[in-house]
Amino acid sequence: MKRTISALLLAISIPSMATAQQDTLKADLENICIDVNYMMPQRYSSRAVTDFSLCLKGDTVISHLPYMGQAYRPTYGNTDGLNFKIPVTDKSVKPGKKGKTIIRFTCNNSTATYEFKIEVYPEGGAYIYLSPSYADRIGYKGVYSREE
């Protein structure tokens, strides 16, 4: 009888601990900036880059990223490339394997929709996977810091 009650209490408390851990992750990663030092295009060879970043400030993404790839349709009037500051939608923060945290969100500007997946590792490394609605996917590698 005691084992059954203990098992029941443990089963009830585990989801609440997971929810608390997820809320902590969201709070910790609410404002981060990733300094990109490597880009991995879909069609071209990977290469080191400098002076590029992606920042999340609450529900806004600030992107200063390089791009190499094939566009499937022209983006008329967009000469800024992946340099923008726009609100995000459908943002989720979830724990992953081996201590990493996965952030997913979508954002739209006047010419395209961008789907982001960011993997943040406890030692400070980060990967960004970007899928534009009009062009090839691309990945980035860098280091992150929490912004206040």
C-alpha atoms as a PDB file:
ATOM      1  CA  MET A   1       0.000   0.000   0.000  1.00  0.00           C
ATOM      2  CA  LYS A   2       2.795   2.427   0.912  1.00  0.00           C
ATOM      3  CA  ARG A   3       4.592   1.638  -2.367  1.00  0.00           C
ATOM      4  CA  THR A   4       1.454   2.380  -4.370  1.00  0.00           C
ATOM      5  CA  ILE A   5       0.968   5.741  -2.674  1.00  0.00           C
ATOM      6  CA  SER A   6       4.660   6.624  -3.090  1.00  0.00           C
ATOM      7  CA  ALA A   7       4.569   5.688  -6.768  1.00  0.00           C
ATOM      8  CA  LEU A   8       1.402   7.725  -7.270  1.00  0.00           C
ATOM      9  CA  LEU A   9       2.901  10.787  -5.562  1.00  0.00           C
ATOM     10  CA  LEU A  10       6.075  10.464  -7.654  1.00  0.00           C
ATOM     11  CA  ALA A  11       4.063  10.190 -10.879  1.00  0.00           C
ATOM     12  CA  ILE A  12       2.102  13.316  -9.959  1.00  0.00           C
ATOM     13  CA  SER A  13       5.191  15.369  -9.045  1.00  0.00           C
ATOM     14  CA  ILE A  14       7.297  14.546 -12.129  1.00  0.00           C
ATOM     15  CA  PRO A  15       5.167  16.547 -14.631  1.00  0.00           C
ATOM     16  CA  SER A  16       5.162  19.557 -12.307  1.00  0.00           C
ATOM     17  CA  MET A  17       8.975  19.378 -11.971  1.00  0.00           C
ATOM     18  CA  ALA A  18       9.272  19.181 -15.766  1.00  0.00           C
ATOM     19  CA  THR A  19       6.997  22.219 -16.119  1.00  0.00           C
ATOM     20  CA  ALA A  20       9.066  24.168 -13.575  1.00  0.00           C
ATOM     21  CA  GLN A  21      12.289  23.244 -15.405  1.00  0.00           C
ATOM     22  CA  GLN A  22      10.762  24.315 -18.736  1.00  0.00           C
ATOM     23  CA  ASP A  23       9.634  27.658 -17.253  1.00  0.00           C
ATOM     24  CA  THR A  24      13.190  28.235 -15.961  1.00  0.00           C
ATOM     25  CA  LEU A  25      14.601  27.493 -19.434  1.00  0.00           C
ATOM     26  CA  LYS A  26      12.200  29.977 -21.016  1.00  0.00           C
ATOM     27  CA  ALA A  27      13.150  32.676 -18.512  1.00  0.00           C
ATOM     28  CA  ASP A  28      16.891  32.028 -18.946  1.00  0.00           C
ATOM     29  CA  LEU A  29      16.704  32.135 -22.748  1.00  0.00           C
ATOM     30  CA  GLU A  30      14.254  35.019 -23.091  1.00  0.00           C
ATOM     31  CA  ASN A  31      17.071  37.426 -24.089  1.00  0.00           C
ATOM     32  CA  ILE A  32      20.071  35.802 -25.745  1.00  0.00           C
ATOM     33  CA  CYS A  33      22.502  36.787 -28.453  1.00  0.00           C
ATOM     34  CA  ILE A  34      24.432  34.306 -30.607  1.00  0.00           C
ATOM     35  CA  ASP A  35      27.691  35.464 -32.183  1.00  0.00           C
ATOM     36  CA  VAL A  36      27.951  33.451 -35.401  1.00  0.00           C
ATOM     37  CA  ASN A  37      31.419  32.277 -36.425  1.00  0.00           C
ATOM     38  CA  TYR A  38      30.644  29.582 -39.000  1.00  0.00           C
ATOM     39  CA  MET A  39      28.023  29.162 -41.731  1.00  0.00           C
ATOM     40  CA  MET A  40      26.916  25.901 -43.353  1.00  0.00           C
ATOM     41  CA  PRO A  41      24.995  26.506 -46.607  1.00  0.00           C
ATOM     42  CA  GLN A  42      22.993  23.710 -48.209  1.00  0.00           C
ATOM     43  CA  ARG A  43      24.651  23.907 -51.642  1.00  0.00           C
ATOM     44  CA  TYR A  44      28.070  25.412 -50.990  1.00  0.00           C
ATOM     45  CA  SER A  45      31.027  24.602 -48.775  1.00  0.00           C
ATOM     46  CA  SER A  46      31.001  25.712 -45.158  1.00  0.00           C
ATOM     47  CA  ARG A  47      33.131  28.660 -44.142  1.00  0.00           C
ATOM     48  CA  ALA A  48      34.176  30.776 -41.202  1.00  0.00           C
ATOM     49  CA  VAL A  49      32.539  34.199 -40.859  1.00  0.00           C
ATOM     50  CA  THR A  50      32.938  37.187 -38.554  1.00  0.00           C
ATOM     51  CA  ASP A  51      30.749  40.058 -37.339  1.00  0.00           C
ATOM     52  CA  PHE A  52      27.380  38.278 -37.649  1.00  0.00           C
ATOM     53  CA  SER A  53      24.788  37.610 -34.958  1.00  0.00           C
ATOM     54  CA  LEU A  54      21.247  36.584 -34.100  1.00  0.00           C
ATOM     55  CA  CYS A  55      19.574  38.006 -30.980  1.00  0.00           C
ATOM     56  CA  LEU A  56      16.292  37.145 -29.292  1.00  0.00           C
ATOM     57  CA  LYS A  57      14.910  39.932 -27.146  1.00  0.00           C
ATOM     58  CA  GLY A  58      11.634  38.699 -25.703  1.00  0.00           C
ATOM     59  CA  ASP A  59       9.330  38.170 -28.671  1.00  0.00           C
ATOM     60  CA  THR A  60      11.529  39.957 -31.226  1.00  0.00           C
ATOM     61  CA  VAL A  61      14.357  38.555 -33.340  1.00  0.00           C
ATOM     62  CA  ILE A  62      17.228  40.749 -34.507  1.00  0.00           C
ATOM     63  CA  SER A  63      19.039  39.061 -37.374  1.00  0.00           C
ATOM     64  CA  HIS A  64      22.372  40.044 -38.917  1.00  0.00           C
ATOM     65  CA  LEU A  65      23.207  36.812 -40.740  1.00  0.00           C
ATOM     66  CA  PRO A  66      25.042  36.035 -43.979  1.00  0.00           C
ATOM     67  CA  TYR A  67      23.325  33.935 -46.636  1.00  0.00           C
ATOM     68  CA  MET A  68      24.534  31.715 -49.452  1.00  0.00           C
ATOM     69  CA  GLY A  69      22.069  29.605 -51.385  1.00  0.00           C
ATOM     70  CA  GLN A  70      19.585  29.488 -54.202  1.00  0.00           C
ATOM     71  CA  ALA A  71      16.401  31.539 -54.068  1.00  0.00           C
ATOM     72  CA  TYR A  72      13.344  29.848 -55.563  1.00  0.00           C
ATOM     73  CA  ARG A  73      11.541  33.114 -56.173  1.00  0.00           C
ATOM     74  CA  PRO A  74      12.688  36.721 -56.113  1.00  0.00           C
ATOM     75  CA  THR A  75      12.000  38.836 -53.050  1.00  0.00           C
ATOM     76  CA  TYR A  76      11.061  42.127 -54.646  1.00  0.00           C
ATOM     77  CA  GLY A  77      11.952  45.166 -52.622  1.00  0.00           C
ATOM     78  CA  ASN A  78      14.016  43.229 -50.069  1.00  0.00           C
ATOM     79  CA  THR A  79      17.618  44.355 -50.371  1.00  0.00           C
ATOM     80  CA  ASP A  80      18.471  43.738 -46.704  1.00  0.00           C
ATOM     81  CA  GLY A  81      18.793  39.952 -46.986  1.00  0.00           C
ATOM     82  CA  LEU A  82      18.804  38.406 -43.506  1.00  0.00           C
ATOM     83  CA  ASN A  83      19.202  41.740 -41.719  1.00  0.00           C
ATOM     84  CA  PHE A  84      15.944  42.458 -39.932  1.00  0.00           C
ATOM     85  CA  LYS A  85      14.228  43.126 -36.623  1.00  0.00           C
ATOM     86  CA  ILE A  86      10.750  41.601 -36.521  1.00  0.00           C
ATOM     87  CA  PRO A  87       8.362  39.937 -34.030  1.00  0.00           C
ATOM     88  CA  VAL A  88       8.374  36.154 -33.637  1.00  0.00           C
ATOM     89  CA  THR A  89       5.373  33.809 -33.537  1.00  0.00           C
ATOM     90  CA  ASP A  90       4.938  30.237 -32.326  1.00  0.00           C
ATOM     91  CA  LYS A  91       7.971  30.432 -30.041  1.00  0.00           C
ATOM     92  CA  SER A  92       8.714  27.313 -28.001  1.00  0.00           C
ATOM     93  CA  VAL A  93      11.565  26.408 -25.648  1.00  0.00           C
ATOM     94  CA  LYS A  94      12.091  22.731 -24.834  1.00  0.00           C
ATOM     95  CA  PRO A  95      14.832  20.690 -23.180  1.00  0.00           C
ATOM     96  CA  GLY A  96      16.748  18.339 -25.463  1.00  0.00           C
ATOM     97  CA  LYS A  97      19.204  15.497 -24.985  1.00  0.00           C
ATOM     98  CA  LYS A  98      22.549  15.934 -23.234  1.00  0.00           C
ATOM     99  CA  GLY A  99      21.591  19.214 -21.589  1.00  0.00           C
ATOM    100  CA  LYS A 100      20.861  21.182 -24.757  1.00  0.00           C
ATOM    101  CA  THR A 101      17.858  23.459 -25.095  1.00  0.00           C
ATOM    102  CA  ILE A 102      15.877  23.761 -28.329  1.00  0.00           C
ATOM    103  CA  ILE A 103      14.215  27.044 -29.282  1.00  0.00           C
ATOM    104  CA  ARG A 104      11.848  27.111 -32.256  1.00  0.00           C
ATOM    105  CA  PHE A 105      10.029  30.086 -33.711  1.00  0.00           C
ATOM    106  CA  THR A 106       8.690  31.564 -36.924  1.00  0.00           C
ATOM    107  CA  CYS A 107       8.851  35.144 -38.138  1.00  0.00           C
ATOM    108  CA  ASN A 108       7.474  36.977 -41.170  1.00  0.00           C
ATOM    109  CA  ASN A 109       8.536  40.098 -42.980  1.00  0.00           C
ATOM    110  CA  SER A 110       6.917  41.619 -46.059  1.00  0.00           C
ATOM    111  CA  THR A 111       8.540  39.152 -48.464  1.00  0.00           C
ATOM    112  CA  ALA A 112       9.163  35.839 -46.645  1.00  0.00           C
ATOM    113  CA  THR A 113       8.528  33.519 -43.731  1.00  0.00           C
ATOM    114  CA  TYR A 114      11.514  32.237 -41.744  1.00  0.00           C
ATOM    115  CA  GLU A 115      11.468  29.125 -39.571  1.00  0.00           C
ATOM    116  CA  PHE A 116      14.249  29.030 -36.972  1.00  0.00           C
ATOM    117  CA  LYS A 117      15.491  26.170 -34.839  1.00  0.00           C
ATOM    118  CA  ILE A 118      18.198  27.058 -32.320  1.00  0.00           C
ATOM    119  CA  GLU A 119      20.080  24.485 -30.258  1.00  0.00           C
ATOM    120  CA  VAL A 120      21.806  25.961 -27.198  1.00  0.00           C
ATOM    121  CA  TYR A 121      24.368  23.860 -25.321  1.00  0.00           C
ATOM    122  CA  PRO A 122      25.323  24.293 -21.641  1.00  0.00           C
ATOM    123  CA  GLU A 123      29.002  24.941 -22.455  1.00  0.00           C
ATOM    124  CA  GLY A 124      28.062  28.039 -24.495  1.00  0.00           C
ATOM    125  CA  GLY A 125      27.853  26.683 -28.048  1.00  0.00           C
ATOM    126  CA  ALA A 126      24.836  27.195 -30.294  1.00  0.00           C
ATOM    127  CA  TYR A 127      23.571  26.010 -33.671  1.00  0.00           C
ATOM    128  CA  ILE A 128      21.020  27.915 -35.752  1.00  0.00           C
ATOM    129  CA  TYR A 129      19.034  26.191 -38.503  1.00  0.00           C
ATOM    130  CA  LEU A 130      17.123  28.537 -40.798  1.00  0.00           C
ATOM    131  CA  SER A 131      14.507  27.613 -43.407  1.00  0.00           C
ATOM    132  CA  PRO A 132      13.391  30.610 -45.507  1.00  0.00           C
ATOM    133  CA  SER A 133      10.133  30.159 -47.426  1.00  0.00           C
ATOM    134  CA  TYR A 134      11.756  31.255 -50.690  1.00  0.00           C
ATOM    135  CA  ALA A 135      15.277  29.791 -50.622  1.00  0.00           C
ATOM    136  CA  ASP A 136      17.626  26.972 -49.553  1.00  0.00           C
ATOM    137  CA  ARG A 137      18.057  26.142 -45.890  1.00  0.00           C
ATOM    138  CA  ILE A 138      21.226  27.207 -44.100  1.00  0.00           C
ATOM    139  CA  GLY A 139      22.872  26.494 -40.755  1.00  0.00           C
ATOM    140  CA  TYR A 140      25.130  28.533 -38.489  1.00  0.00           C
ATOM    141  CA  LYS A 141      27.387  27.749 -35.554  1.00  0.00           C
ATOM    142  CA  GLY A 142      28.421  30.160 -32.823  1.00  0.00           C
ATOM    143  CA  VAL A 143      28.507  30.991 -29.131  1.00  0.00           C
ATOM    144  CA  TYR A 144      25.713  32.528 -27.110  1.00  0.00           C
ATOM    145  CA  SER A 145      25.421  34.899 -24.223  1.00  0.00           C
ATOM    146  CA  ARG A 146      22.456  35.966 -22.133  1.00  0.00           C
ATOM    147  CA  GLU A 147      21.460  39.582 -22.591  1.00  0.00           C
ATOM    148  CA  GLU A 148      19.949  41.577 -19.739  1.00  0.00           C
END
